[in-house]
C-alpha atoms as a PDB file:
ATOM      1  CA  MET A   1      79.376 124.498 110.358  1.00  0.00           C
ATOM      2  CA  PRO A   2      77.191 121.204 111.010  1.00  0.00           C
ATOM      3  CA  SER A   3      78.996 118.243 112.261  1.00  0.00           C
ATOM      4  CA  VAL A   4      80.140 115.363 109.942  1.00  0.00           C
ATOM      5  CA  GLU A   5      78.499 111.964 109.777  1.00  0.00           C
ATOM      6  CA  PRO A   6      81.007 109.326 110.280  1.00  0.00           C
ATOM      7  CA  ASP A   7      81.988 107.761 107.076  1.00  0.00           C
ATOM      8  CA  LYS A   8      82.113 104.068 107.637  1.00  0.00           C
ATOM      9  CA  LYS A   9      84.623 103.027 104.961  1.00  0.00           C
ATOM     10  CA  ALA A  10      86.850 106.033 106.385  1.00  0.00           C
ATOM     11  CA  ALA A  11      86.401 104.795 109.872  1.00  0.00           C
ATOM     12  CA  LYS A  12      87.367 101.423 109.045  1.00  0.00           C
ATOM     13  CA  LYS A  13      90.553 102.631 107.070  1.00  0.00           C
ATOM     14  CA  ARG A  14      91.533 104.631 110.220  1.00  0.00           C
ATOM     15  CA  ALA A  15      90.966 101.582 112.554  1.00  0.00           C
ATOM     16  CA  ALA A  16      93.312  99.448 110.581  1.00  0.00           C
ATOM     17  CA  TRP A  17      96.140 101.842 111.835  1.00  0.00           C
ATOM     18  CA  GLN A  18      95.011 102.337 115.516  1.00  0.00           C
ATOM     19  CA  PRO A  19      96.109  99.793 118.060  1.00  0.00           C
ATOM     20  CA  THR A  20      93.167  98.506 119.861  1.00  0.00           C
ATOM     21  CA  PRO A  21      92.027 101.035 122.511  1.00  0.00           C
ATOM     22  CA  VAL A  22      92.884  99.654 126.073  1.00  0.00           C
ATOM     23  CA  THR A  23      90.602 100.272 128.930  1.00  0.00           C
ATOM     24  CA  PRO A  24      92.775 100.305 132.100  1.00  0.00           C
ATOM     25  CA  GLY A  25      92.156  97.233 134.222  1.00  0.00           C
ATOM     26  CA  LYS A  26      90.684  95.306 131.417  1.00  0.00           C
ATOM     27  CA  LYS A  27      92.299  93.073 128.932  1.00  0.00           C
ATOM     28  CA  SER A  28      92.412  93.788 125.244  1.00  0.00           C
ATOM     29  CA  LYS A  29      94.241  92.584 122.020  1.00  0.00           C
ATOM     30  CA  ALA A  30      97.731  93.484 122.053  1.00  0.00           C
ATOM     31  CA  CYS A  31      99.398  95.142 119.042  1.00  0.00           C
ATOM     32  CA  VAL A  32     102.371  94.379 117.450  1.00  0.00           C
ATOM     33  CA  LEU A  33     104.302  96.925 115.811  1.00  0.00           C
ATOM     34  CA  ALA A  34     105.837  94.913 113.240  1.00  0.00           C
ATOM     35  CA  ASP A  35     102.179  94.381 111.728  1.00  0.00           C
ATOM     36  CA  PHE A  36     102.279  97.997 110.730  1.00  0.00           C
ATOM     37  CA  ASP A  37     104.203  98.209 107.511  1.00  0.00           C
ATOM     38  CA  PRO A  38     105.950 101.543 107.319  1.00  0.00           C
ATOM     39  CA  ALA A  39     106.008 101.579 103.531  1.00  0.00           C
ATOM     40  CA  ALA A  40     102.379 101.134 103.134  1.00  0.00           C
ATOM     41  CA  LYS A  41     100.364 104.018 101.777  1.00  0.00           C
ATOM     42  CA  PRO A  42      96.640 103.264 102.656  1.00  0.00           C
ATOM     43  CA  TYR A  43      95.739 107.154 102.107  1.00  0.00           C
ATOM     44  CA  SER A  44      97.476 107.353  98.581  1.00  0.00           C
ATOM     45  CA  SER A  45      95.758 107.785  95.172  1.00  0.00           C
ATOM     46  CA  GLY A  46      98.647 105.948  93.778  1.00  0.00           C
ATOM     47  CA  ASP A  47      99.734 109.122  91.969  1.00  0.00           C
ATOM     48  CA  LYS A  48     102.336 111.076  93.871  1.00  0.00           C
ATOM     49  CA  ALA A  49     101.716 114.346  91.926  1.00  0.00           C
ATOM     50  CA  ALA A  50      98.038 113.935  92.758  1.00  0.00           C
ATOM     51  CA  ASP A  51      98.814 113.144  96.472  1.00  0.00           C
ATOM     52  CA  THR A  52     101.198 116.237  96.554  1.00  0.00           C
ATOM     53  CA  ALA A  53      98.373 118.437  95.328  1.00  0.00           C
ATOM     54  CA  GLN A  54      95.897 117.119  97.756  1.00  0.00           C
ATOM     55  CA  VAL A  55      98.204 117.716 100.740  1.00  0.00           C
ATOM     56  CA  GLU A  56      98.587 121.225  99.747  1.00  0.00           C
ATOM     57  CA  ALA A  57      94.772 121.598  99.196  1.00  0.00           C
ATOM     58  CA  LEU A  58      94.113 119.840 102.681  1.00  0.00           C
ATOM     59  CA  ALA A  59      96.808 122.444 104.481  1.00  0.00           C
ATOM     60  CA  GLN A  60      94.622 125.285 102.898  1.00  0.00           C
ATOM     61  CA  ASP A  61      91.514 123.790 104.248  1.00  0.00           C
ATOM     62  CA  LEU A  62      93.204 123.289 107.773  1.00  0.00           C
ATOM     63  CA  ASP A  63      94.038 127.076 107.809  1.00  0.00           C
ATOM     64  CA  GLY A  64      90.294 127.884 107.413  1.00  0.00           C
ATOM     65  CA  LEU A  65      89.270 125.395 109.999  1.00  0.00           C
ATOM     66  CA  GLN A  66      91.915 126.656 112.459  1.00  0.00           C
ATOM     67  CA  ASN A  67      90.418 130.268 112.069  1.00  0.00           C
ATOM     68  CA  LEU A  68      87.092 128.700 112.738  1.00  0.00           C
ATOM     69  CA  PHE A  69      88.480 126.596 115.619  1.00  0.00           C
ATOM     70  CA  TYR A  70      90.047 129.893 117.159  1.00  0.00           C
ATOM     71  CA  ALA A  71      86.874 131.838 117.031  1.00  0.00           C
ATOM     72  CA  ASP A  72      84.747 129.017 118.298  1.00  0.00           C
ATOM     73  CA  LYS A  73      86.766 128.728 121.506  1.00  0.00           C
ATOM     74  CA  ARG A  74      84.800 125.646 122.756  1.00  0.00           C
ATOM     75  CA  PHE A  75      87.773 123.097 122.214  1.00  0.00           C
ATOM     76  CA  LYS A  76      91.569 122.837 122.370  1.00  0.00           C
ATOM     77  CA  LEU A  77      93.595 120.588 120.066  1.00  0.00           C
ATOM     78  CA  LEU A  78      96.734 118.804 121.038  1.00  0.00           C
ATOM     79  CA  VAL A  79      98.497 116.935 118.207  1.00  0.00           C
ATOM     80  CA  ILE A  80     101.340 114.726 119.337  1.00  0.00           C
ATOM     81  CA  LEU A  81     103.937 113.849 116.656  1.00  0.00           C
ATOM     82  CA  GLN A  82     106.231 111.058 118.058  1.00  0.00           C
ATOM     83  CA  GLY A  83     108.606 108.828 116.340  1.00  0.00           C
ATOM     84  CA  THR A  84     112.420 107.943 115.792  1.00  0.00           C
ATOM     85  CA  ASP A  85     115.123 110.072 114.479  1.00  0.00           C
ATOM     86  CA  THR A  86     114.210 111.059 110.892  1.00  0.00           C
ATOM     87  CA  SER A  87     110.547 109.968 111.132  1.00  0.00           C
ATOM     88  CA  GLY A  88     109.557 113.208 109.746  1.00  0.00           C
ATOM     89  CA  LYS A  89     108.308 115.145 112.510  1.00  0.00           C
ATOM     90  CA  ASP A  90     109.766 118.376 111.402  1.00  0.00           C
ATOM     91  CA  GLY A  91     108.566 117.790 107.855  1.00  0.00           C
ATOM     92  CA  THR A  92     104.996 117.280 108.998  1.00  0.00           C
ATOM     93  CA  LEU A  93     104.950 120.443 110.806  1.00  0.00           C
ATOM     94  CA  ARG A  94     105.867 122.205 107.570  1.00  0.00           C
ATOM     95  CA  GLY A  95     103.803 120.237 105.103  1.00  0.00           C
ATOM     96  CA  VAL A  96     100.551 119.750 107.165  1.00  0.00           C
ATOM     97  CA  PHE A  97     100.423 122.734 109.611  1.00  0.00           C
ATOM     98  CA  GLY A  98     102.612 125.313 107.854  1.00  0.00           C
ATOM     99  CA  ARG A  99      99.785 127.277 106.340  1.00  0.00           C
ATOM    100  CA  MET A 100      97.858 127.715 109.562  1.00  0.00           C
ATOM    101  CA  SER A 101      98.013 131.402 111.326  1.00  0.00           C
ATOM    102  CA  ALA A 102     100.513 131.771 113.941  1.00  0.00           C
ATOM    103  CA  LEU A 103      97.778 133.570 115.952  1.00  0.00           C
ATOM    104  CA  GLY A 104      96.269 130.304 117.347  1.00  0.00           C
ATOM    105  CA  VAL A 105      98.860 127.677 116.705  1.00  0.00           C
ATOM    106  CA  GLN A 106     101.951 126.833 118.780  1.00  0.00           C
ATOM    107  CA  THR A 107     104.640 124.304 118.687  1.00  0.00           C
ATOM    108  CA  VAL A 108     106.796 122.823 121.340  1.00  0.00           C
ATOM    109  CA  GLY A 109     110.154 120.584 120.460  1.00  0.00           C
ATOM    110  CA  TRP A 110     110.700 118.596 123.463  1.00  0.00           C
ATOM    111  CA  LYS A 111     114.242 117.860 124.458  1.00  0.00           C
ATOM    112  CA  ALA A 112     115.810 116.165 127.398  1.00  0.00           C
ATOM    113  CA  PRO A 113     114.549 117.613 130.838  1.00  0.00           C
ATOM    114  CA  THR A 114     116.433 120.437 132.433  1.00  0.00           C
ATOM    115  CA  ASP A 115     117.669 119.952 135.975  1.00  0.00           C
ATOM    116  CA  ASN A 116     114.642 122.210 137.048  1.00  0.00           C
ATOM    117  CA  GLU A 117     112.254 120.057 135.150  1.00  0.00           C
ATOM    118  CA  LYS A 118     113.716 116.837 136.759  1.00  0.00           C
ATOM    119  CA  ALA A 119     112.855 118.229 140.104  1.00  0.00           C
ATOM    120  CA  HIS A 120     109.380 118.070 139.289  1.00  0.00           C
ATOM    121  CA  ASP A 121     107.029 115.200 138.326  1.00  0.00           C
ATOM    122  CA  PHE A 122     107.665 114.139 134.758  1.00  0.00           C
ATOM    123  CA  LEU A 123     104.489 115.596 133.449  1.00  0.00           C
ATOM    124  CA  TRP A 124     104.921 118.997 135.202  1.00  0.00           C
ATOM    125  CA  ARG A 125     106.681 120.585 132.106  1.00  0.00           C
ATOM    126  CA  ILE A 126     104.170 118.971 129.788  1.00  0.00           C
ATOM    127  CA  HIS A 127     101.132 120.433 131.572  1.00  0.00           C
ATOM    128  CA  ARG A 128     102.506 123.907 131.390  1.00  0.00           C
ATOM    129  CA  GLU A 129     102.449 123.820 127.409  1.00  0.00           C
ATOM    130  CA  VAL A 130      98.985 122.213 126.681  1.00  0.00           C
ATOM    131  CA  PRO A 131      96.530 124.496 124.800  1.00  0.00           C
ATOM    132  CA  GLY A 132      94.193 126.842 125.970  1.00  0.00           C
ATOM    133  CA  ALA A 133      90.603 127.529 124.616  1.00  0.00           C
ATOM    134  CA  GLY A 134      90.767 127.885 120.801  1.00  0.00           C
ATOM    135  CA  GLU A 135      94.474 127.036 120.546  1.00  0.00           C
ATOM    136  CA  VAL A 136      96.168 124.296 118.592  1.00  0.00           C
ATOM    137  CA  MET A 137      99.414 123.115 120.256  1.00  0.00           C
ATOM    138  CA  ILE A 138     101.753 120.825 118.375  1.00  0.00           C
ATOM    139  CA  PHE A 139     104.016 118.573 120.152  1.00  0.00           C
ATOM    140  CA  ASN A 140     107.285 117.494 118.451  1.00  0.00           C
ATOM    141  CA  ARG A 141     108.015 114.545 120.836  1.00  0.00           C
ATOM    142  CA  SER A 142     106.024 114.664 123.792  1.00  0.00           C
ATOM    143  CA  GLN A 143     105.586 113.205 127.343  1.00  0.00           C
ATOM    144  CA  TYR A 144     106.208 109.777 125.711  1.00  0.00           C
ATOM    145  CA  GLU A 145     109.969 110.538 125.565  1.00  0.00           C
ATOM    146  CA  ASP A 146     109.881 109.873 129.370  1.00  0.00           C
ATOM    147  CA  VAL A 147     108.799 106.233 128.710  1.00  0.00           C
ATOM    148  CA  LEU A 148     111.105 105.613 125.860  1.00  0.00           C
ATOM    149  CA  VAL A 149     114.646 106.892 126.522  1.00  0.00           C
ATOM    150  CA  PRO A 150     114.736 106.144 130.356  1.00  0.00           C
ATOM    151  CA  VAL A 151     113.226 102.547 129.481  1.00  0.00           C
ATOM    152  CA  VAL A 152     115.496 101.803 126.599  1.00  0.00           C
ATOM    153  CA  ASN A 153     118.583 102.827 129.040  1.00  0.00           C
ATOM    154  CA  GLY A 154     117.309 100.958 131.977  1.00  0.00           C
ATOM    155  CA  TRP A 155     116.666 104.053 134.073  1.00  0.00           C
ATOM    156  CA  LEU A 156     113.169 102.955 134.891  1.00  0.00           C
ATOM    157  CA  THR A 157     112.072  99.847 136.573  1.00  0.00           C
ATOM    158  CA  PRO A 158     109.070  97.832 134.945  1.00  0.00           C
ATOM    159  CA  THR A 159     106.904  99.051 137.999  1.00  0.00           C
ATOM    160  CA  GLN A 160     108.077 102.692 137.419  1.00  0.00           C
ATOM    161  CA  THR A 161     107.285 102.381 133.774  1.00  0.00           C
ATOM    162  CA  ALA A 162     103.819 100.884 134.417  1.00  0.00           C
ATOM    163  CA  GLN A 163     103.190 103.870 136.805  1.00  0.00           C
ATOM    164  CA  ARG A 164     104.263 106.503 134.186  1.00  0.00           C
ATOM    165  CA  PHE A 165     101.950 104.573 131.710  1.00  0.00           C
ATOM    166  CA  ALA A 166      99.156 105.111 134.180  1.00  0.00           C
ATOM    167  CA  HIS A 167      99.785 108.718 135.218  1.00  0.00           C
ATOM    168  CA  ILE A 168      99.848 109.668 131.132  1.00  0.00           C
ATOM    169  CA  ASN A 169      96.559 107.790 130.862  1.00  0.00           C
ATOM    170  CA  ASP A 170      94.997 109.880 133.699  1.00  0.00           C
ATOM    171  CA  PHE A 171      96.445 112.959 132.607  1.00  0.00           C
ATOM    172  CA  GLU A 172      95.114 112.559 128.932  1.00  0.00           C
ATOM    173  CA  ARG A 173      91.722 111.769 130.450  1.00  0.00           C
ATOM    174  CA  MET A 174      91.517 114.997 132.325  1.00  0.00           C
ATOM    175  CA  LEU A 175      92.573 116.971 129.449  1.00  0.00           C
ATOM    176  CA  THR A 176      90.054 115.366 127.071  1.00  0.00           C
ATOM    177  CA  GLU A 177      87.477 115.652 129.840  1.00  0.00           C
ATOM    178  CA  THR A 178      88.057 119.407 129.853  1.00  0.00           C
ATOM    179  CA  GLY A 179      87.706 120.021 126.133  1.00  0.00           C
ATOM    180  CA  THR A 180      90.903 118.994 124.706  1.00  0.00           C
ATOM    181  CA  VAL A 181      90.925 116.776 121.446  1.00  0.00           C
ATOM    182  CA  MET A 182      93.896 114.631 121.198  1.00  0.00           C
ATOM    183  CA  LEU A 183      95.306 113.412 118.160  1.00  0.00           C
ATOM    184  CA  LYS A 184      98.350 111.190 118.745  1.00  0.00           C
ATOM    185  CA  PHE A 185     100.556 110.171 115.680  1.00  0.00           C
ATOM    186  CA  MET A 186     103.217 107.694 115.797  1.00  0.00           C
ATOM    187  CA  LEU A 187     105.435 108.105 112.632  1.00  0.00           C
ATOM    188  CA  GLN A 188     106.701 104.879 111.676  1.00  0.00           C
ATOM    189  CA  ILE A 189     109.740 104.349 109.245  1.00  0.00           C
ATOM    190  CA  SER A 190     111.815 101.235 108.510  1.00  0.00           C
ATOM    191  CA  PHE A 191     115.506 100.517 109.689  1.00  0.00           C
ATOM    192  CA  ASP A 192     116.619 100.951 106.115  1.00  0.00           C
ATOM    193  CA  GLU A 193     114.771 104.103 105.543  1.00  0.00           C
ATOM    194  CA  GLN A 194     116.545 105.998 108.593  1.00  0.00           C
ATOM    195  CA  ARG A 195     119.716 104.779 107.379  1.00  0.00           C
ATOM    196  CA  GLU A 196     119.401 106.452 104.114  1.00  0.00           C
ATOM    197  CA  ARG A 197     117.887 109.524 105.693  1.00  0.00           C
ATOM    198  CA  LEU A 198     120.802 109.677 108.100  1.00  0.00           C
ATOM    199  CA  GLN A 199     123.175 109.290 105.270  1.00  0.00           C
ATOM    200  CA  GLU A 200     121.612 112.155 103.272  1.00  0.00           C
ATOM    201  CA  ARG A 201     122.247 114.302 106.329  1.00  0.00           C
ATOM    202  CA  ILE A 202     125.993 113.466 106.236  1.00  0.00           C
ATOM    203  CA  ASP A 203     126.322 113.584 102.512  1.00  0.00           C
ATOM    204  CA  ASP A 204     125.061 117.057 102.180  1.00  0.00           C
ATOM    205  CA  PRO A 205     126.917 119.944 104.149  1.00  0.00           C
ATOM    206  CA  ASP A 206     123.685 122.017 104.174  1.00  0.00           C
ATOM    207  CA  LYS A 207     122.034 119.208 106.267  1.00  0.00           C
ATOM    208  CA  HIS A 208     124.988 118.837 108.711  1.00  0.00           C
ATOM    209  CA  TRP A 209     123.158 121.029 111.278  1.00  0.00           C
ATOM    210  CA  LYS A 210     120.223 118.469 111.234  1.00  0.00           C
ATOM    211  CA  PHE A 211     122.692 115.528 112.296  1.00  0.00           C
ATOM    212  CA  ASP A 212     123.535 114.520 115.742  1.00  0.00           C
ATOM    213  CA  ILE A 213     126.452 112.192 116.316  1.00  0.00           C
ATOM    214  CA  LYS A 214     124.071 110.648 119.158  1.00  0.00           C
ATOM    215  CA  ASP A 215     121.572 109.705 116.461  1.00  0.00           C
ATOM    216  CA  LEU A 216     124.157 106.844 115.605  1.00  0.00           C
ATOM    217  CA  GLU A 217     123.976 105.502 119.222  1.00  0.00           C
ATOM    218  CA  ALA A 218     120.232 105.499 119.400  1.00  0.00           C
ATOM    219  CA  ARG A 219     120.244 103.630 115.895  1.00  0.00           C
ATOM    220  CA  LYS A 220     122.193 100.937 117.584  1.00  0.00           C
ATOM    221  CA  GLN A 221     119.403 100.651 120.043  1.00  0.00           C
ATOM    222  CA  TRP A 222     116.689 100.355 117.081  1.00  0.00           C
ATOM    223  CA  THR A 223     115.343  97.032 118.531  1.00  0.00           C
ATOM    224  CA  ALA A 224     114.974  98.336 121.905  1.00  0.00           C
ATOM    225  CA  TYR A 225     113.239 101.487 120.791  1.00  0.00           C
ATOM    226  CA  GLN A 226     110.892  99.316 118.787  1.00  0.00           C
ATOM    227  CA  GLY A 227     110.055  97.339 121.784  1.00  0.00           C
ATOM    228  CA  ALA A 228     109.531 100.352 123.801  1.00  0.00           C
ATOM    229  CA  TYR A 229     107.116 102.059 121.315  1.00  0.00           C
ATOM    230  CA  GLU A 230     105.220  98.811 121.219  1.00  0.00           C
ATOM    231  CA  ALA A 231     104.752  98.821 124.912  1.00  0.00           C
ATOM    232  CA  LEU A 232     103.604 102.319 124.943  1.00  0.00           C
ATOM    233  CA  LEU A 233     101.163 101.806 122.211  1.00  0.00           C
ATOM    234  CA  ASN A 234      99.857  99.024 124.054  1.00  0.00           C
ATOM    235  CA  ALA A 235      99.569 100.795 127.284  1.00  0.00           C
ATOM    236  CA  THR A 236      98.320 104.302 126.301  1.00  0.00           C
ATOM    237  CA  SER A 237      96.054 103.900 123.250  1.00  0.00           C
ATOM    238  CA  THR A 238      92.981 104.535 125.135  1.00  0.00           C
ATOM    239  CA  PRO A 239      89.486 105.358 124.006  1.00  0.00           C
ATOM    240  CA  TRP A 240      89.927 109.100 124.981  1.00  0.00           C
ATOM    241  CA  ALA A 241      93.422 109.151 123.401  1.00  0.00           C
ATOM    242  CA  THR A 242      93.853 106.550 120.742  1.00  0.00           C
ATOM    243  CA  TRP A 243      97.082 106.282 118.965  1.00  0.00           C
ATOM    244  CA  THR A 244      97.294 106.334 114.978  1.00  0.00           C
ATOM    245  CA  VAL A 245     100.357 104.550 113.508  1.00  0.00           C
ATOM    246  CA  VAL A 246     101.421 106.593 110.363  1.00  0.00           C
ATOM    247  CA  PRO A 247     103.282 104.551 107.854  1.00  0.00           C
ATOM    248  CA  SER A 248     106.060 107.262 106.905  1.00  0.00           C
ATOM    249  CA  ASN A 249     108.585 105.888 104.713  1.00  0.00           C
ATOM    250  CA  SER A 250     106.840 108.055 102.074  1.00  0.00           C
ATOM    251  CA  LYS A 251     106.980 111.674 103.237  1.00  0.00           C
ATOM    252  CA  THR A 252     104.136 112.722 101.009  1.00  0.00           C
ATOM    253  CA  HIS A 253     101.836 109.849 102.263  1.00  0.00           C
ATOM    254  CA  ARG A 254     102.695 110.835 105.721  1.00  0.00           C
ATOM    255  CA  ASN A 255     101.635 114.257 105.335  1.00  0.00           C
ATOM    256  CA  LEU A 256      98.560 113.235 103.291  1.00  0.00           C
ATOM    257  CA  MET A 257      97.388 110.940 105.928  1.00  0.00           C
ATOM    258  CA  ILE A 258      97.973 113.154 108.982  1.00  0.00           C
ATOM    259  CA  ALA A 259      96.404 116.163 107.180  1.00  0.00           C
ATOM    260  CA  THR A 260      93.278 114.064 106.272  1.00  0.00           C
ATOM    261  CA  LEU A 261      92.734 112.827 109.933  1.00  0.00           C
ATOM    262  CA  VAL A 262      93.330 116.305 111.330  1.00  0.00           C
ATOM    263  CA  LYS A 263      90.717 117.726 109.082  1.00  0.00           C
ATOM    264  CA  ASP A 264      88.297 114.830 109.801  1.00  0.00           C
ATOM    265  CA  ALA A 265      88.783 115.518 113.535  1.00  0.00           C
ATOM    266  CA  LEU A 266      88.001 119.262 113.165  1.00  0.00           C
ATOM    267  CA  LEU A 267      85.136 118.726 111.017  1.00  0.00           C
ATOM    268  CA  ALA A 268      83.545 116.357 113.460  1.00  0.00           C
ATOM    269  CA  LEU A 269      83.485 119.105 116.221  1.00  0.00           C
ATOM    270  CA  GLY A 270      80.517 120.941 114.484  1.00  0.00           C
ATOM    271  CA  LEU A 271      82.635 124.254 114.737  1.00  0.00           C
ATOM    272  CA  ARG A 272      80.776 127.442 114.605  1.00  0.00           C
ATOM    273  CA  TYR A 273      81.282 131.258 114.651  1.00  0.00           C
ATOM    274  CA  PRO A 274      80.139 133.031 117.972  1.00  0.00           C
ATOM    275  CA  PRO A 275      76.480 134.478 117.491  1.00  0.00           C
ATOM    276  CA  ALA A 276      76.560 137.948 115.925  1.00  0.00           C
ATOM    277  CA  ASN A 277      76.560 141.012 118.090  1.00  0.00           C
ATOM    278  CA  PRO A 278      73.162 142.908 117.819  1.00  0.00           C
ATOM    279  CA  ALA A 279      74.766 146.044 119.005  1.00  0.00           C
ATOM    280  CA  LEU A 280      76.681 146.292 115.853  1.00  0.00           C
ATOM    281  CA  ASP A 281      73.365 146.210 113.721  1.00  0.00           C
ATOM    282  CA  GLY A 282      72.924 149.508 111.612  1.00  0.00           C
ATOM    283  CA  ILE A 283      76.450 150.806 112.506  1.00  0.00           C
ATOM    284  CA  LYS A 284      77.881 152.622 109.273  1.00  0.00           C
ATOM    285  CA  ILE A 285      81.678 153.384 109.269  1.00  0.00           C
ATOM    286  CA  VAL A 286      82.243 156.964 108.127  1.00  0.00           C
END
């Protein structure tokens, strides 16, 4: 499959939702998270039914591309889904990646580190789960939890936080220089949208399993978390691993935008099947 020439209009649309990439040691324009409207729908056709159908079509396309990606084995794909509680990380997994074959796709849902994980550097547990050649790995939360929760709760000093940002940038540069394509999505919802989604989980007994009372404590820290997200976007949206802010008040639009960007990234790789095996020429199965 040939590589795809970049679409200038599409590139401009993507850039509008990507914080200015930073080069460590150089000044760059800071992003303000409040400038990214969580209710926006830049990838929508304006028709929800049409958008839903397009998501399904894209999911089918991604299934085919993942099969080719697995056969090609020149690259690895790491997709990071980061966002506040109820922002739709699980829904994205189902809606965008649910059609892909389990043969070459894995998912990790990151929780608070165990005592054994705490005994190592904070990236130790992350490095063990990065994708191998031909694999697609999707992180539900990620290494970025380690510059969110500890920062908001005051467990890290500003100096320690800056060190972690630098370590993450170096880690991600190493991954990309060794064949890993990184797509980092920050799923952005509004304070009011989160309230509605949390209330829905409380009101529906079938969704109680999705609700954690600790979510209410984190909600009280909304402003602090928004500040921590803004800081990490400004520190770790690099040329080799750029963040994309995904307006996610609309679940359909969220899936449409992410599916489109993942497909574009895979098409741009110029994926191809391995060369035919000449030893198989003329063989007839009887």
